[in-house]
Amino acid sequence: MNIYMKVAMSKTVTMKQQLSDILLDISWAKIAQKYFGKSSSWMYHKFDGIDGNGNKSDFTYAEKLQLKNALLDFSERIRLSAESIEV
């Protein structure tokens, strides 16, 4: 079952599901530190939908927007790095 089928069957889509294609390819510890000023455990807890005490928690609207912008910035940095490679 692919992500789109899972989404269709579920009313809420977790951030982990939305980012499943790149989840293992990115250093989330670095993203948490650079863009949020937070620890890697904070980021992984957010992905798992819990806070530091094990209570249910999700990304706030502001955090989702911040994550979106962080990934857009990161992707632009990757693109610029790729374009700088002389072939």
N, C-alpha and C. Protein backbone atom coordinates (compact mmCIF):
# COMPACT_ATOMS: atom_id res chain seq x y z
N MET A 1 0.85 -1.17 0.00
CA MET A 1 0.00 0.00 0.00
C MET A 1 0.90 1.24 0.00
N ASN A 2 0.68 2.15 -0.94
CA ASN A 2 1.52 3.33 -1.00
C ASN A 2 1.00 4.44 -0.09
N ILE A 3 1.78 5.52 0.01
CA ILE A 3 1.44 6.61 0.92
C ILE A 3 0.09 7.24 0.57
N TYR A 4 -0.24 7.33 -0.70
CA TYR A 4 -1.49 7.95 -1.11
C TYR A 4 -2.70 7.12 -0.69
N MET A 5 -2.57 5.81 -0.72
CA MET A 5 -3.66 4.94 -0.27
C MET A 5 -3.82 5.07 1.24
N LYS A 6 -2.69 5.14 1.96
CA LYS A 6 -2.75 5.29 3.40
C LYS A 6 -3.40 6.62 3.77
N VAL A 7 -3.04 7.65 3.05
CA VAL A 7 -3.61 8.97 3.30
C VAL A 7 -5.12 8.95 3.07
N ALA A 8 -5.53 8.31 2.00
CA ALA A 8 -6.95 8.25 1.67
C ALA A 8 -7.73 7.52 2.76
N MET A 9 -7.11 6.53 3.40
CA MET A 9 -7.78 5.76 4.42
C MET A 9 -7.75 6.45 5.78
N SER A 10 -6.85 7.40 5.95
CA SER A 10 -6.70 8.09 7.22
C SER A 10 -7.20 9.52 7.11
N LYS A 11 -7.77 10.03 8.19
CA LYS A 11 -8.26 11.41 8.18
C LYS A 11 -7.12 12.39 8.38
N THR A 12 -6.12 12.01 9.16
CA THR A 12 -5.00 12.89 9.40
C THR A 12 -3.72 12.26 8.86
N VAL A 13 -2.92 13.08 8.27
CA VAL A 13 -1.66 12.62 7.73
C VAL A 13 -0.55 13.16 8.62
N THR A 14 0.26 12.28 9.13
CA THR A 14 1.35 12.72 10.01
C THR A 14 2.47 13.33 9.18
N MET A 15 3.27 14.13 9.84
CA MET A 15 4.43 14.71 9.18
C MET A 15 5.37 13.61 8.71
N LYS A 16 5.47 12.57 9.50
CA LYS A 16 6.32 11.43 9.15
C LYS A 16 5.85 10.80 7.83
N GLN A 17 4.55 10.68 7.65
CA GLN A 17 4.00 10.13 6.41
C GLN A 17 4.26 11.08 5.24
N GLN A 18 4.08 12.36 5.47
CA GLN A 18 4.27 13.33 4.41
C GLN A 18 5.72 13.37 3.92
N LEU A 19 6.65 13.11 4.82
CA LEU A 19 8.07 13.18 4.48
C LEU A 19 8.71 11.80 4.29
N SER A 20 7.90 10.78 4.18
CA SER A 20 8.41 9.40 4.12
C SER A 20 9.42 9.18 3.00
N ASP A 21 9.28 9.87 1.90
CA ASP A 21 10.19 9.68 0.76
C ASP A 21 11.62 10.13 1.08
N ILE A 22 11.77 11.12 1.95
CA ILE A 22 13.11 11.65 2.25
C ILE A 22 13.53 11.44 3.69
N LEU A 23 12.68 10.83 4.49
CA LEU A 23 12.90 10.74 5.93
C LEU A 23 14.27 10.18 6.30
N LEU A 24 14.73 9.17 5.61
CA LEU A 24 16.01 8.53 5.95
C LEU A 24 17.20 9.18 5.27
N ASP A 25 16.96 10.13 4.37
CA ASP A 25 18.04 10.72 3.59
C ASP A 25 18.56 12.04 4.16
N ILE A 26 17.92 12.55 5.17
CA ILE A 26 18.27 13.87 5.69
C ILE A 26 18.72 13.75 7.14
N SER A 27 19.69 14.56 7.52
CA SER A 27 20.10 14.63 8.92
C SER A 27 19.14 15.56 9.64
N TRP A 28 18.13 14.98 10.26
CA TRP A 28 17.12 15.77 10.96
C TRP A 28 17.70 16.45 12.18
N ALA A 29 18.77 15.91 12.74
CA ALA A 29 19.45 16.55 13.86
C ALA A 29 19.98 17.91 13.42
N LYS A 30 20.58 17.95 12.24
CA LYS A 30 21.10 19.22 11.70
C LYS A 30 19.98 20.19 11.36
N ILE A 31 18.89 19.68 10.81
CA ILE A 31 17.74 20.54 10.48
C ILE A 31 17.16 21.13 11.78
N ALA A 32 17.01 20.29 12.80
CA ALA A 32 16.47 20.76 14.08
C ALA A 32 17.36 21.84 14.68
N GLN A 33 18.66 21.62 14.60
CA GLN A 33 19.60 22.57 15.19
C GLN A 33 19.68 23.86 14.38
N LYS A 34 19.88 23.76 13.08
CA LYS A 34 20.09 24.93 12.24
C LYS A 34 18.85 25.80 12.08
N TYR A 35 17.71 25.18 11.86
CA TYR A 35 16.51 25.93 11.53
C TYR A 35 15.55 26.16 12.70
N PHE A 36 15.68 25.34 13.75
CA PHE A 36 14.77 25.47 14.88
C PHE A 36 15.48 25.81 16.20
N GLY A 37 16.80 25.60 16.23
CA GLY A 37 17.52 25.80 17.49
C GLY A 37 17.13 24.76 18.53
N LYS A 38 16.75 23.58 18.07
CA LYS A 38 16.28 22.50 18.95
C LYS A 38 17.18 21.27 18.80
N SER A 39 16.97 20.31 19.68
CA SER A 39 17.74 19.07 19.65
C SER A 39 17.14 18.07 18.66
N SER A 40 17.93 17.08 18.33
CA SER A 40 17.43 16.03 17.43
C SER A 40 16.26 15.28 18.07
N SER A 41 16.32 15.08 19.39
CA SER A 41 15.22 14.36 20.04
C SER A 41 13.92 15.14 19.93
N TRP A 42 13.98 16.46 19.96
CA TRP A 42 12.78 17.28 19.78
C TRP A 42 12.16 16.98 18.42
N MET A 43 13.00 16.95 17.40
CA MET A 43 12.51 16.71 16.03
C MET A 43 11.92 15.31 15.91
N TYR A 44 12.63 14.32 16.42
CA TYR A 44 12.13 12.94 16.31
C TYR A 44 10.85 12.74 17.13
N HIS A 45 10.76 13.38 18.27
CA HIS A 45 9.51 13.33 19.04
C HIS A 45 8.36 13.94 18.24
N LYS A 46 8.63 15.07 17.60
CA LYS A 46 7.59 15.72 16.78
C LYS A 46 7.13 14.78 15.67
N PHE A 47 8.09 14.12 15.01
CA PHE A 47 7.73 13.17 13.96
C PHE A 47 6.87 12.03 14.49
N ASP A 48 7.14 11.62 15.72
CA ASP A 48 6.38 10.53 16.32
C ASP A 48 5.09 11.00 16.97
N GLY A 49 4.86 12.31 16.96
CA GLY A 49 3.61 12.85 17.50
C GLY A 49 3.54 12.90 19.01
N ILE A 50 4.72 13.01 19.63
CA ILE A 50 4.74 13.09 21.10
C ILE A 50 5.64 14.25 21.53
N ASP A 51 5.47 14.67 22.78
CA ASP A 51 6.38 15.67 23.33
C ASP A 51 7.42 14.96 24.19
N GLY A 52 8.27 15.72 24.84
CA GLY A 52 9.33 15.13 25.66
C GLY A 52 8.85 14.31 26.83
N ASN A 53 7.58 14.48 27.21
CA ASN A 53 7.01 13.72 28.33
C ASN A 53 6.18 12.53 27.87
N GLY A 54 6.14 12.30 26.57
CA GLY A 54 5.37 11.18 26.05
C GLY A 54 3.91 11.51 25.77
N ASN A 55 3.53 12.76 25.97
CA ASN A 55 2.16 13.18 25.67
C ASN A 55 1.99 13.43 24.18
N LYS A 56 0.77 13.32 23.71
CA LYS A 56 0.48 13.54 22.29
C LYS A 56 0.80 15.00 21.93
N SER A 57 1.53 15.16 20.85
CA SER A 57 1.93 16.49 20.39
C SER A 57 2.18 16.42 18.90
N ASP A 58 1.97 17.52 18.24
CA ASP A 58 2.19 17.58 16.79
C ASP A 58 2.89 18.89 16.49
N PHE A 59 3.32 19.03 15.26
CA PHE A 59 3.88 20.30 14.83
C PHE A 59 2.78 21.35 14.86
N THR A 60 3.08 22.52 15.37
CA THR A 60 2.14 23.63 15.32
C THR A 60 2.12 24.16 13.89
N TYR A 61 1.16 25.02 13.60
CA TYR A 61 1.11 25.64 12.28
C TYR A 61 2.42 26.37 11.98
N ALA A 62 2.91 27.13 12.96
CA ALA A 62 4.15 27.89 12.78
C ALA A 62 5.34 26.95 12.54
N GLU A 63 5.38 25.83 13.26
CA GLU A 63 6.48 24.87 13.08
C GLU A 63 6.39 24.19 11.72
N LYS A 64 5.19 23.90 11.26
CA LYS A 64 5.03 23.32 9.91
C LYS A 64 5.53 24.28 8.86
N LEU A 65 5.19 25.55 9.00
CA LEU A 65 5.64 26.56 8.06
C LEU A 65 7.16 26.71 8.12
N GLN A 66 7.70 26.68 9.32
CA GLN A 66 9.15 26.78 9.49
C GLN A 66 9.85 25.56 8.87
N LEU A 67 9.29 24.38 9.06
CA LEU A 67 9.87 23.17 8.46
C LEU A 67 9.80 23.23 6.94
N LYS A 68 8.67 23.66 6.43
CA LYS A 68 8.52 23.80 4.98
C LYS A 68 9.59 24.74 4.43
N ASN A 69 9.76 25.88 5.06
CA ASN A 69 10.76 26.85 4.59
C ASN A 69 12.18 26.33 4.76
N ALA A 70 12.43 25.57 5.83
CA ALA A 70 13.75 24.97 6.03
C ALA A 70 14.07 23.99 4.91
N LEU A 71 13.11 23.15 4.55
CA LEU A 71 13.33 22.18 3.48
C LEU A 71 13.49 22.87 2.13
N LEU A 72 12.76 23.94 1.90
CA LEU A 72 12.92 24.70 0.66
C LEU A 72 14.30 25.34 0.60
N ASP A 73 14.76 25.89 1.72
CA ASP A 73 16.11 26.47 1.78
C ASP A 73 17.16 25.39 1.54
N PHE A 74 17.00 24.27 2.20
CA PHE A 74 17.94 23.15 2.06
C PHE A 74 17.99 22.66 0.62
N SER A 75 16.83 22.55 -0.01
CA SER A 75 16.79 22.07 -1.39
C SER A 75 17.47 23.07 -2.33
N GLU A 76 17.33 24.35 -2.05
CA GLU A 76 18.00 25.38 -2.86
C GLU A 76 19.51 25.30 -2.67
N ARG A 77 19.95 25.06 -1.46
CA ARG A 77 21.39 24.90 -1.20
C ARG A 77 21.94 23.68 -1.93
N ILE A 78 21.18 22.60 -1.96
CA ILE A 78 21.60 21.40 -2.69
C ILE A 78 21.67 21.71 -4.19
N ARG A 79 20.65 22.40 -4.71
CA ARG A 79 20.64 22.73 -6.13
C ARG A 79 21.84 23.59 -6.51
N LEU A 80 22.13 24.60 -5.72
CA LEU A 80 23.28 25.47 -5.99
C LEU A 80 24.60 24.70 -5.93
N SER A 81 24.71 23.79 -4.97
CA SER A 81 25.92 22.96 -4.87
C SER A 81 26.07 22.07 -6.09
N ALA A 82 24.96 21.46 -6.51
CA ALA A 82 25.00 20.60 -7.69
C ALA A 82 25.39 21.38 -8.93
N GLU A 83 24.85 22.58 -9.06
CA GLU A 83 25.17 23.39 -10.24
C GLU A 83 26.60 23.88 -10.25
N SER A 84 27.24 23.93 -9.09
CA SER A 84 28.64 24.39 -9.02
C SER A 84 29.64 23.32 -9.44
N ILE A 85 29.17 22.09 -9.59
CA ILE A 85 30.06 20.99 -10.01
C ILE A 85 30.41 21.17 -11.48
N GLU A 86 31.71 21.25 -11.73
CA GLU A 86 32.16 21.41 -13.10
C GLU A 86 32.30 20.04 -13.75
N VAL A 87 31.66 19.91 -14.91
CA VAL A 87 31.76 18.65 -15.66
C VAL A 87 32.25 18.92 -17.06
